[in-house]
C-alpha atoms as a PDB file:
ATOM      1  CA  MET A   1       0.000   0.000   0.000  1.00  0.00           C
ATOM      2  CA  ALA A   2       2.697   2.495   0.996  1.00  0.00           C
ATOM      3  CA  ARG A   3       4.915   2.011  -2.037  1.00  0.00           C
ATOM      4  CA  GLY A   4       6.094   5.652  -1.871  1.00  0.00           C
ATOM      5  CA  SER A   5       7.209   5.376   1.754  1.00  0.00           C
ATOM      6  CA  GLY A   6       9.630   8.218   0.936  1.00  0.00           C
ATOM      7  CA  ASN A   7       6.603  10.547   0.897  1.00  0.00           C
ATOM      8  CA  ASN A   8       5.818  10.022   4.568  1.00  0.00           C
ATOM      9  CA  ASP A   9       5.171  13.757   4.951  1.00  0.00           C
ATOM     10  CA  ALA A  10       2.344  13.662   2.418  1.00  0.00           C
ATOM     11  CA  SER A  11       1.104  10.250   3.492  1.00  0.00           C
ATOM     12  CA  GLU A  12      -2.465  11.564   3.383  1.00  0.00           C
ATOM     13  CA  THR A  13      -2.235  12.894  -0.167  1.00  0.00           C
ATOM     14  CA  SER A  14       0.026  10.054  -1.311  1.00  0.00           C
ATOM     15  CA  SER A  15      -2.220   7.334   0.091  1.00  0.00           C
ATOM     16  CA  GLN A  16      -5.072   8.713  -2.029  1.00  0.00           C
ATOM     17  CA  ARG A  17      -3.039   8.805  -5.253  1.00  0.00           C
ATOM     18  CA  VAL A  18      -1.249   5.478  -4.720  1.00  0.00           C
ATOM     19  CA  PRO A  19      -4.418   3.317  -4.606  1.00  0.00           C
ATOM     20  CA  LEU A  20      -5.773   5.076  -7.691  1.00  0.00           C
ATOM     21  CA  LEU A  21      -2.662   4.123  -9.662  1.00  0.00           C
ATOM     22  CA  ASN A  22      -2.829   0.545  -8.413  1.00  0.00           C
ATOM     23  CA  GLN A  23      -6.423   0.190  -9.596  1.00  0.00           C
ATOM     24  CA  GLU A  24      -5.627   1.549 -13.049  1.00  0.00           C
END
């Protein structure tokens, strides 16, 4: 789920964009 662990600061924004990419 947290593939971009480097973006811990924007975990909220990242978490929303990461799942979207995984679905597509």
